[in-house]
Structures are given as structure tokens and as C-alpha cells.
Amino acid sequence: MIEPRARSTDPHTSHAAAMRARNFADTHANRIVEALKEHGRMSAQGIAGMTGLSVEQVDRRTVELQRKGLIAVVQLDGRDLVWSGYRVWETC
């Protein structure tokens, strides 16, 4: 399911920007998944360093990738593993 990035009441320019954002999202998502596959467990900060994305861009995509079942937060004793204030992610 593709999440809407513009409301039906938004102007045409917002809808055009939303379409471009979907393309970026796919590219960013692929970069994140590939980085985790290649380098193993990483925080958003680590992923950002490996992919050239900002931490904010990584944070947006990790939630979407988690919903799709492609990545997951690493659990340690039933708690999210956190490095330097960021949750640690791995591929599923």
C-alpha cells in the first residue's frame, strides 16, 4: 500500500511534489536495505553515514520499511537495542 503524501484538497503542486517524493522514497529505501544487507546491524546514524542520506531521511524510510516487513528493530532481552540514542535496525 502506498501512503498518500498529499491530501486531496492540496494544490496541484503538492501532488506533483508527492509523486517525486515517491520516487525518492523508493531510491532511499533501496539504499537503506542494501546498506543493512552489506554492513549488518546499524542505527539510523550509521545508515546515514553509509548511504549519504540524512538521519531524518533514514528515519522516515525505516518506519515504512518496517511496515513492509523488510527491516526490523534489533531486540535485546525484549527491548529495542539503542546505540548513541538511535534504534538499531537489521534486515528481516
PDB file of N, CA and C in Angstrom:
ATOM      1  N   MET A   1       0.827  -1.173   0.000  1.00  0.00           N
ATOM      2  CA  MET A   1       0.000   0.000   0.000  1.00  0.00           C
ATOM      3  C   MET A   1       0.882   1.251   0.000  1.00  0.00           C
ATOM      4  N   ILE A   2       0.608   2.166  -0.887  1.00  0.00           N
ATOM      5  CA  ILE A   2       1.344   3.415  -0.947  1.00  0.00           C
ATOM      6  C   ILE A   2       0.621   4.433  -0.093  1.00  0.00           C
ATOM      7  N   GLU A   3       1.365   5.030   0.824  1.00  0.00           N
ATOM      8  CA  GLU A   3       0.766   6.024   1.693  1.00  0.00           C
ATOM      9  C   GLU A   3       0.655   7.344   0.948  1.00  0.00           C
ATOM     10  N   PRO A   4      -0.479   8.038   1.084  1.00  0.00           N
ATOM     11  CA  PRO A   4      -0.616   9.330   0.410  1.00  0.00           C
ATOM     12  C   PRO A   4       0.358  10.344   0.997  1.00  0.00           C
ATOM     13  N   ARG A   5       0.975  11.137   0.143  1.00  0.00           N
ATOM     14  CA  ARG A   5       1.887  12.176   0.590  1.00  0.00           C
ATOM     15  C   ARG A   5       1.311  13.559   0.336  1.00  0.00           C
ATOM     16  N   ALA A   6       0.093  13.610  -0.210  1.00  0.00           N
ATOM     17  CA  ALA A   6      -0.616  14.876  -0.411  1.00  0.00           C
ATOM     18  C   ALA A   6      -2.103  14.613  -0.187  1.00  0.00           C
ATOM     19  N   ARG A   7      -2.766  15.572   0.400  1.00  0.00           N
ATOM     20  CA  ARG A   7      -4.202  15.448   0.638  1.00  0.00           C
ATOM     21  C   ARG A   7      -4.970  15.797  -0.637  1.00  0.00           C
ATOM     22  N   SER A   8      -6.174  15.300  -0.734  1.00  0.00           N
ATOM     23  CA  SER A   8      -6.989  15.581  -1.921  1.00  0.00           C
ATOM     24  C   SER A   8      -7.286  17.072  -2.062  1.00  0.00           C
ATOM     25  N   THR A   9      -7.235  17.797  -0.976  1.00  0.00           N
ATOM     26  CA  THR A   9      -7.512  19.237  -1.014  1.00  0.00           C
ATOM     27  C   THR A   9      -6.272  20.076  -1.302  1.00  0.00           C
ATOM     28  N   ASP A  10      -5.091  19.449  -1.368  1.00  0.00           N
ATOM     29  CA  ASP A  10      -3.851  20.177  -1.635  1.00  0.00           C
ATOM     30  C   ASP A  10      -3.802  20.653  -3.080  1.00  0.00           C
ATOM     31  N   PRO A  11      -3.047  21.726  -3.356  1.00  0.00           N
ATOM     32  CA  PRO A  11      -2.927  22.218  -4.731  1.00  0.00           C
ATOM     33  C   PRO A  11      -2.157  21.235  -5.611  1.00  0.00           C
ATOM     34  N   HIS A  12      -2.279  21.435  -6.906  1.00  0.00           N
ATOM     35  CA  HIS A  12      -1.624  20.574  -7.897  1.00  0.00           C
ATOM     36  C   HIS A  12      -0.119  20.450  -7.637  1.00  0.00           C
ATOM     37  N   THR A  13       0.513  21.533  -7.236  1.00  0.00           N
ATOM     38  CA  THR A  13       1.964  21.492  -6.998  1.00  0.00           C
ATOM     39  C   THR A  13       2.327  20.508  -5.884  1.00  0.00           C
ATOM     40  N   SER A  14       1.479  20.403  -4.883  1.00  0.00           N
ATOM     41  CA  SER A  14       1.729  19.441  -3.798  1.00  0.00           C
ATOM     42  C   SER A  14       1.615  18.011  -4.304  1.00  0.00           C
ATOM     43  N   HIS A  15       0.672  17.763  -5.188  1.00  0.00           N
ATOM     44  CA  HIS A  15       0.523  16.416  -5.748  1.00  0.00           C
ATOM     45  C   HIS A  15       1.721  16.064  -6.631  1.00  0.00           C
ATOM     46  N   ALA A  16       2.215  17.025  -7.386  1.00  0.00           N
ATOM     47  CA  ALA A  16       3.403  16.793  -8.212  1.00  0.00           C
ATOM     48  C   ALA A  16       4.608  16.496  -7.328  1.00  0.00           C
ATOM     49  N   ALA A  17       4.757  17.244  -6.244  1.00  0.00           N
ATOM     50  CA  ALA A  17       5.861  17.009  -5.314  1.00  0.00           C
ATOM     51  C   ALA A  17       5.728  15.634  -4.657  1.00  0.00           C
ATOM     52  N   ALA A  18       4.511  15.229  -4.344  1.00  0.00           N
ATOM     53  CA  ALA A  18       4.282  13.916  -3.734  1.00  0.00           C
ATOM     54  C   ALA A  18       4.698  12.793  -4.680  1.00  0.00           C
ATOM     55  N   MET A  19       4.430  12.958  -5.959  1.00  0.00           N
ATOM     56  CA  MET A  19       4.835  11.943  -6.939  1.00  0.00           C
ATOM     57  C   MET A  19       6.358  11.844  -6.998  1.00  0.00           C
ATOM     58  N   ARG A  20       7.039  12.978  -6.974  1.00  0.00           N
ATOM     59  CA  ARG A  20       8.507  12.957  -6.976  1.00  0.00           C
ATOM     60  C   ARG A  20       9.032  12.329  -5.683  1.00  0.00           C
ATOM     61  N   ALA A  21       8.379  12.603  -4.569  1.00  0.00           N
ATOM     62  CA  ALA A  21       8.810  12.059  -3.281  1.00  0.00           C
ATOM     63  C   ALA A  21       8.719  10.540  -3.274  1.00  0.00           C
ATOM     64  N   ARG A  22       7.717   9.983  -3.942  1.00  0.00           N
ATOM     65  CA  ARG A  22       7.617   8.525  -4.018  1.00  0.00           C
ATOM     66  C   ARG A  22       8.840   7.935  -4.703  1.00  0.00           C
ATOM     67  N   ASN A  23       9.301   8.586  -5.757  1.00  0.00           N
ATOM     68  CA  ASN A  23      10.497   8.105  -6.448  1.00  0.00           C
ATOM     69  C   ASN A  23      11.716   8.177  -5.539  1.00  0.00           C
ATOM     70  N   PHE A  24      11.867   9.284  -4.810  1.00  0.00           N
ATOM     71  CA  PHE A  24      12.975   9.398  -3.876  1.00  0.00           C
ATOM     72  C   PHE A  24      12.864   8.354  -2.778  1.00  0.00           C
ATOM     73  N   ALA A  25      11.654   8.133  -2.295  1.00  0.00           N
ATOM     74  CA  ALA A  25      11.446   7.177  -1.212  1.00  0.00           C
ATOM     75  C   ALA A  25      11.914   5.791  -1.626  1.00  0.00           C
ATOM     76  N   ASP A  26      11.563   5.376  -2.831  1.00  0.00           N
ATOM     77  CA  ASP A  26      11.993   4.062  -3.301  1.00  0.00           C
ATOM     78  C   ASP A  26      13.510   3.983  -3.382  1.00  0.00           C
ATOM     79  N   THR A  27      14.131   5.026  -3.906  1.00  0.00           N
ATOM     80  CA  THR A  27      15.581   5.048  -4.015  1.00  0.00           C
ATOM     81  C   THR A  27      16.218   5.008  -2.629  1.00  0.00           C
ATOM     82  N   HIS A  28      15.720   5.825  -1.722  1.00  0.00           N
ATOM     83  CA  HIS A  28      16.258   5.852  -0.366  1.00  0.00           C
ATOM     84  C   HIS A  28      16.058   4.506   0.314  1.00  0.00           C
ATOM     85  N   ALA A  29      14.873   3.943   0.156  1.00  0.00           N
ATOM     86  CA  ALA A  29      14.577   2.654   0.785  1.00  0.00           C
ATOM     87  C   ALA A  29      15.538   1.574   0.291  1.00  0.00           C
ATOM     88  N   ASN A  30      15.772   1.538  -0.998  1.00  0.00           N
ATOM     89  CA  ASN A  30      16.697   0.546  -1.553  1.00  0.00           C
ATOM     90  C   ASN A  30      18.094   0.735  -1.003  1.00  0.00           C
ATOM     91  N   ARG A  31      18.539   1.970  -0.887  1.00  0.00           N
ATOM     92  CA  ARG A  31      19.873   2.243  -0.350  1.00  0.00           C
ATOM     93  C   ARG A  31      19.982   1.772   1.099  1.00  0.00           C
ATOM     94  N   ILE A  32      18.932   1.992   1.874  1.00  0.00           N
ATOM     95  CA  ILE A  32      18.936   1.582   3.280  1.00  0.00           C
ATOM     96  C   ILE A  32      18.994   0.069   3.402  1.00  0.00           C
ATOM     97  N   VAL A  33      18.136  -0.629   2.680  1.00  0.00           N
ATOM     98  CA  VAL A  33      18.109  -2.093   2.751  1.00  0.00           C
ATOM     99  C   VAL A  33      19.446  -2.669   2.297  1.00  0.00           C
ATOM    100  N   GLU A  34      19.994  -2.161   1.209  1.00  0.00           N
ATOM    101  CA  GLU A  34      21.275  -2.664   0.708  1.00  0.00           C
ATOM    102  C   GLU A  34      22.403  -2.409   1.702  1.00  0.00           C
ATOM    103  N   ALA A  35      22.404  -1.254   2.353  1.00  0.00           N
ATOM    104  CA  ALA A  35      23.431  -0.958   3.361  1.00  0.00           C
ATOM    105  C   ALA A  35      23.341  -1.933   4.527  1.00  0.00           C
ATOM    106  N   LEU A  36      22.110  -2.221   4.974  1.00  0.00           N
ATOM    107  CA  LEU A  36      21.953  -3.178   6.073  1.00  0.00           C
ATOM    108  C   LEU A  36      22.363  -4.579   5.660  1.00  0.00           C
ATOM    109  N   LYS A  37      22.057  -4.973   4.428  1.00  0.00           N
ATOM    110  CA  LYS A  37      22.470  -6.288   3.944  1.00  0.00           C
ATOM    111  C   LYS A  37      23.984  -6.393   3.892  1.00  0.00           C
ATOM    112  N   GLU A  38      24.615  -5.342   3.417  1.00  0.00           N
ATOM    113  CA  GLU A  38      26.067  -5.367   3.226  1.00  0.00           C
ATOM    114  C   GLU A  38      26.851  -5.212   4.521  1.00  0.00           C
ATOM    115  N   HIS A  39      26.375  -4.331   5.415  1.00  0.00           N
ATOM    116  CA  HIS A  39      27.148  -3.993   6.612  1.00  0.00           C
ATOM    117  C   HIS A  39      26.569  -4.542   7.907  1.00  0.00           C
ATOM    118  N   GLY A  40      25.388  -5.132   7.861  1.00  0.00           N
ATOM    119  CA  GLY A  40      24.779  -5.682   9.063  1.00  0.00           C
ATOM    120  C   GLY A  40      24.058  -4.630   9.883  1.00  0.00           C
ATOM    121  N   ARG A  41      23.825  -4.930  11.120  1.00  0.00           N
ATOM    122  CA  ARG A  41      23.057  -4.065  12.021  1.00  0.00           C
ATOM    123  C   ARG A  41      23.653  -2.667  12.099  1.00  0.00           C
ATOM    124  N   MET A  42      22.761  -1.676  12.014  1.00  0.00           N
ATOM    125  CA  MET A  42      23.193  -0.281  12.124  1.00  0.00           C
ATOM    126  C   MET A  42      22.062   0.583  12.667  1.00  0.00           C
ATOM    127  N   SER A  43      22.459   1.691  13.269  1.00  0.00           N
ATOM    128  CA  SER A  43      21.495   2.705  13.699  1.00  0.00           C
ATOM    129  C   SER A  43      21.206   3.628  12.517  1.00  0.00           C
ATOM    130  N   ALA A  44      20.216   4.498  12.687  1.00  0.00           N
ATOM    131  CA  ALA A  44      19.908   5.479  11.645  1.00  0.00           C
ATOM    132  C   ALA A  44      21.128   6.335  11.347  1.00  0.00           C
ATOM    133  N   GLN A  45      21.890   6.632  12.363  1.00  0.00           N
ATOM    134  CA  GLN A  45      23.099   7.431  12.188  1.00  0.00           C
ATOM    135  C   GLN A  45      24.127   6.674  11.337  1.00  0.00           C
ATOM    136  N   GLY A  46      24.297   5.395  11.611  1.00  0.00           N
ATOM    137  CA  GLY A  46      25.215   4.579  10.825  1.00  0.00           C
ATOM    138  C   GLY A  46      24.753   4.406   9.393  1.00  0.00           C
ATOM    139  N   ILE A  47      23.452   4.175   9.224  1.00  0.00           N
ATOM    140  CA  ILE A  47      22.881   4.024   7.882  1.00  0.00           C
ATOM    141  C   ILE A  47      23.089   5.308   7.089  1.00  0.00           C
ATOM    142  N   ALA A  48      22.863   6.442   7.737  1.00  0.00           N
ATOM    143  CA  ALA A  48      23.046   7.737   7.075  1.00  0.00           C
ATOM    144  C   ALA A  48      24.486   7.875   6.589  1.00  0.00           C
ATOM    145  N   GLY A  49      25.442   7.490   7.423  1.00  0.00           N
ATOM    146  CA  GLY A  49      26.839   7.576   7.044  1.00  0.00           C
ATOM    147  C   GLY A  49      27.204   6.675   5.878  1.00  0.00           C
ATOM    148  N   MET A  50      26.567   5.519   5.792  1.00  0.00           N
ATOM    149  CA  MET A  50      26.860   4.565   4.723  1.00  0.00           C
ATOM    150  C   MET A  50      26.151   4.900   3.415  1.00  0.00           C
ATOM    151  N   THR A  51      25.035   5.613   3.494  1.00  0.00           N
ATOM    152  CA  THR A  51      24.225   5.844   2.299  1.00  0.00           C
ATOM    153  C   THR A  51      24.295   7.272   1.759  1.00  0.00           C
ATOM    154  N   GLY A  52      24.815   8.194   2.552  1.00  0.00           N
ATOM    155  CA  GLY A  52      24.831   9.589   2.141  1.00  0.00           C
ATOM    156  C   GLY A  52      23.509  10.297   2.375  1.00  0.00           C
ATOM    157  N   LEU A  53      22.563   9.626   3.016  1.00  0.00           N
ATOM    158  CA  LEU A  53      21.276  10.241   3.363  1.00  0.00           C
ATOM    159  C   LEU A  53      21.416  10.948   4.698  1.00  0.00           C
ATOM    160  N   SER A  54      20.493  11.836   5.001  1.00  0.00           N
ATOM    161  CA  SER A  54      20.471  12.448   6.329  1.00  0.00           C
ATOM    162  C   SER A  54      19.792  11.489   7.303  1.00  0.00           C
ATOM    163  N   VAL A  55      20.018  11.691   8.576  1.00  0.00           N
ATOM    164  CA  VAL A  55      19.366  10.863   9.593  1.00  0.00           C
ATOM    165  C   VAL A  55      17.854  10.994   9.473  1.00  0.00           C
ATOM    166  N   GLU A  56      17.366  12.181   9.166  1.00  0.00           N
ATOM    167  CA  GLU A  56      15.927  12.402   9.017  1.00  0.00           C
ATOM    168  C   GLU A  56      15.367  11.592   7.850  1.00  0.00           C
ATOM    169  N   GLN A  57      16.088  11.564   6.738  1.00  0.00           N
ATOM    170  CA  GLN A  57      15.644  10.764   5.591  1.00  0.00           C
ATOM    171  C   GLN A  57      15.610   9.286   5.956  1.00  0.00           C
ATOM    172  N   VAL A  58      16.622   8.831   6.668  1.00  0.00           N
ATOM    173  CA  VAL A  58      16.667   7.428   7.087  1.00  0.00           C
ATOM    174  C   VAL A  58      15.511   7.125   8.028  1.00  0.00           C
ATOM    175  N   ASP A  59      15.271   7.995   8.999  1.00  0.00           N
ATOM    176  CA  ASP A  59      14.177   7.778   9.959  1.00  0.00           C
ATOM    177  C   ASP A  59      12.827   7.633   9.250  1.00  0.00           C
ATOM    178  N   ARG A  60      12.582   8.472   8.250  1.00  0.00           N
ATOM    179  CA  ARG A  60      11.308   8.382   7.515  1.00  0.00           C
ATOM    180  C   ARG A  60      11.181   7.037   6.805  1.00  0.00           C
ATOM    181  N   ARG A  61      12.228   6.613   6.168  1.00  0.00           N
ATOM    182  CA  ARG A  61      12.168   5.376   5.383  1.00  0.00           C
ATOM    183  C   ARG A  61      12.172   4.128   6.264  1.00  0.00           C
ATOM    184  N   THR A  62      12.867   4.142   7.405  1.00  0.00           N
ATOM    185  CA  THR A  62      12.925   2.927   8.230  1.00  0.00           C
ATOM    186  C   THR A  62      11.540   2.527   8.724  1.00  0.00           C
ATOM    187  N   VAL A  63      10.722   3.518   9.068  1.00  0.00           N
ATOM    188  CA  VAL A  63       9.361   3.203   9.519  1.00  0.00           C
ATOM    189  C   VAL A  63       8.577   2.535   8.384  1.00  0.00           C
ATOM    190  N   GLU A  64       8.695   3.079   7.181  1.00  0.00           N
ATOM    191  CA  GLU A  64       8.000   2.496   6.029  1.00  0.00           C
ATOM    192  C   GLU A  64       8.519   1.088   5.731  1.00  0.00           C
ATOM    193  N   LEU A  65       9.829   0.911   5.806  1.00  0.00           N
ATOM    194  CA  LEU A  65      10.421  -0.406   5.544  1.00  0.00           C
ATOM    195  C   LEU A  65      10.023  -1.417   6.618  1.00  0.00           C
ATOM    196  N   GLN A  66       9.898  -0.964   7.848  1.00  0.00           N
ATOM    197  CA  GLN A  66       9.451  -1.845   8.932  1.00  0.00           C
ATOM    198  C   GLN A  66       8.018  -2.297   8.685  1.00  0.00           C
ATOM    199  N   ARG A  67       7.155  -1.386   8.278  1.00  0.00           N
ATOM    200  CA  ARG A  67       5.760  -1.734   7.992  1.00  0.00           C
ATOM    201  C   ARG A  67       5.666  -2.762   6.863  1.00  0.00           C
ATOM    202  N   LYS A  68       6.580  -2.678   5.909  1.00  0.00           N
ATOM    203  CA  LYS A  68       6.598  -3.617   4.785  1.00  0.00           C
ATOM    204  C   LYS A  68       7.260  -4.949   5.150  1.00  0.00           C
ATOM    205  N   GLY A  69       7.825  -5.044   6.358  1.00  0.00           N
ATOM    206  CA  GLY A  69       8.457  -6.282   6.799  1.00  0.00           C
ATOM    207  C   GLY A  69       9.834  -6.518   6.214  1.00  0.00           C
ATOM    208  N   LEU A  70      10.485  -5.466   5.728  1.00  0.00           N
ATOM    209  CA  LEU A  70      11.801  -5.611   5.131  1.00  0.00           C
ATOM    210  C   LEU A  70      12.934  -5.438   6.131  1.00  0.00           C
ATOM    211  N   ILE A  71      12.696  -4.635   7.160  1.00  0.00           N
ATOM    212  CA  ILE A  71      13.688  -4.442   8.214  1.00  0.00           C
ATOM    213  C   ILE A  71      12.978  -4.470   9.562  1.00  0.00           C
ATOM    214  N   ALA A  72      13.763  -4.647  10.621  1.00  0.00           N
ATOM    215  CA  ALA A  72      13.195  -4.693  11.971  1.00  0.00           C
ATOM    216  C   ALA A  72      14.178  -4.085  12.954  1.00  0.00           C
ATOM    217  N   VAL A  73      13.637  -3.595  14.063  1.00  0.00           N
ATOM    218  CA  VAL A  73      14.469  -3.100  15.149  1.00  0.00           C
ATOM    219  C   VAL A  73      15.057  -4.315  15.858  1.00  0.00           C
ATOM    220  N   VAL A  74      16.344  -4.261  16.146  1.00  0.00           N
ATOM    221  CA  VAL A  74      17.011  -5.349  16.860  1.00  0.00           C
ATOM    222  C   VAL A  74      16.527  -5.338  18.303  1.00  0.00           C
ATOM    223  N   GLN A  75      16.120  -6.501  18.790  1.00  0.00           N
ATOM    224  CA  GLN A  75      15.642  -6.645  20.162  1.00  0.00           C
ATOM    225  C   GLN A  75      16.696  -7.349  21.011  1.00  0.00           C
ATOM    226  N   LEU A  76      16.896  -6.858  22.224  1.00  0.00           N
ATOM    227  CA  LEU A  76      17.810  -7.475  23.180  1.00  0.00           C
ATOM    228  C   LEU A  76      17.068  -7.570  24.500  1.00  0.00           C
ATOM    229  N   ASP A  77      16.808  -8.783  24.940  1.00  0.00           N
ATOM    230  CA  ASP A  77      16.035  -9.019  26.164  1.00  0.00           C
ATOM    231  C   ASP A  77      14.678  -8.317  26.124  1.00  0.00           C
ATOM    232  N   GLY A  78      14.034  -8.352  24.952  1.00  0.00           N
ATOM    233  CA  GLY A  78      12.710  -7.788  24.797  1.00  0.00           C
ATOM    234  C   GLY A  78      12.656  -6.277  24.659  1.00  0.00           C
ATOM    235  N   ARG A  79      13.805  -5.646  24.571  1.00  0.00           N
ATOM    236  CA  ARG A  79      13.858  -4.189  24.428  1.00  0.00           C
ATOM    237  C   ARG A  79      14.575  -3.824  23.135  1.00  0.00           C
ATOM    238  N   ASP A  80      14.206  -2.650  22.585  1.00  0.00           N
ATOM    239  CA  ASP A  80      14.896  -2.161  21.397  1.00  0.00           C
ATOM    240  C   ASP A  80      16.358  -1.906  21.729  1.00  0.00           C
ATOM    241  N   LEU A  81      17.252  -2.388  20.879  1.00  0.00           N
ATOM    242  CA  LEU A  81      18.665  -2.106  21.029  1.00  0.00           C
ATOM    243  C   LEU A  81      18.909  -0.680  20.537  1.00  0.00           C
ATOM    244  N   VAL A  82      19.604   0.125  21.341  1.00  0.00           N
ATOM    245  CA  VAL A  82      19.843   1.532  21.023  1.00  0.00           C
ATOM    246  C   VAL A  82      21.340   1.802  21.094  1.00  0.00           C
ATOM    247  N   TRP A  83      21.859   2.432  20.057  1.00  0.00           N
ATOM    248  CA  TRP A  83      23.253   2.882  20.011  1.00  0.00           C
ATOM    249  C   TRP A  83      23.258   4.385  19.848  1.00  0.00           C
ATOM    250  N   SER A  84      23.917   5.094  20.749  1.00  0.00           N
ATOM    251  CA  SER A  84      24.039   6.551  20.682  1.00  0.00           C
ATOM    252  C   SER A  84      22.689   7.256  20.497  1.00  0.00           C
ATOM    253  N   GLY A  85      21.660   6.728  21.131  1.00  0.00           N
ATOM    254  CA  GLY A  85      20.345   7.347  21.079  1.00  0.00           C
ATOM    255  C   GLY A  85      19.486   6.962  19.899  1.00  0.00           C
ATOM    256  N   TYR A  86      19.987   6.067  19.037  1.00  0.00           N
ATOM    257  CA  TYR A  86      19.235   5.639  17.862  1.00  0.00           C
ATOM    258  C   TYR A  86      18.963   4.131  17.925  1.00  0.00           C
ATOM    259  N   ARG A  87      17.732   3.738  17.551  1.00  0.00           N
ATOM    260  CA  ARG A  87      17.427   2.312  17.489  1.00  0.00           C
ATOM    261  C   ARG A  87      18.290   1.651  16.426  1.00  0.00           C
ATOM    262  N   VAL A  88      18.585   0.380  16.645  1.00  0.00           N
ATOM    263  CA  VAL A  88      19.425  -0.380  15.714  1.00  0.00           C
ATOM    264  C   VAL A  88      18.525  -1.238  14.851  1.00  0.00           C
ATOM    265  N   TRP A  89      18.806  -1.227  13.541  1.00  0.00           N
ATOM    266  CA  TRP A  89      17.989  -1.927  12.547  1.00  0.00           C
ATOM    267  C   TRP A  89      18.753  -3.063  11.913  1.00  0.00           C
ATOM    268  N   GLU A  90      18.008  -4.071  11.429  1.00  0.00           N
ATOM    269  CA  GLU A  90      18.581  -5.169  10.660  1.00  0.00           C
ATOM    270  C   GLU A  90      17.556  -5.611   9.616  1.00  0.00           C
ATOM    271  N   THR A  91      18.025  -6.319   8.601  1.00  0.00           N
ATOM    272  CA  THR A  91      17.098  -6.818   7.587  1.00  0.00           C
ATOM    273  C   THR A  91      16.377  -8.047   8.127  1.00  0.00           C
ATOM    274  N   CYS A  92      15.198  -8.301   7.613  1.00  0.00           N
ATOM    275  CA  CYS A  92      14.387  -9.450   8.039  1.00  0.00           C
ATOM    276  C   CYS A  92      14.730 -10.679   7.209  1.00  0.00           C
TER     277      CYS A  92
END
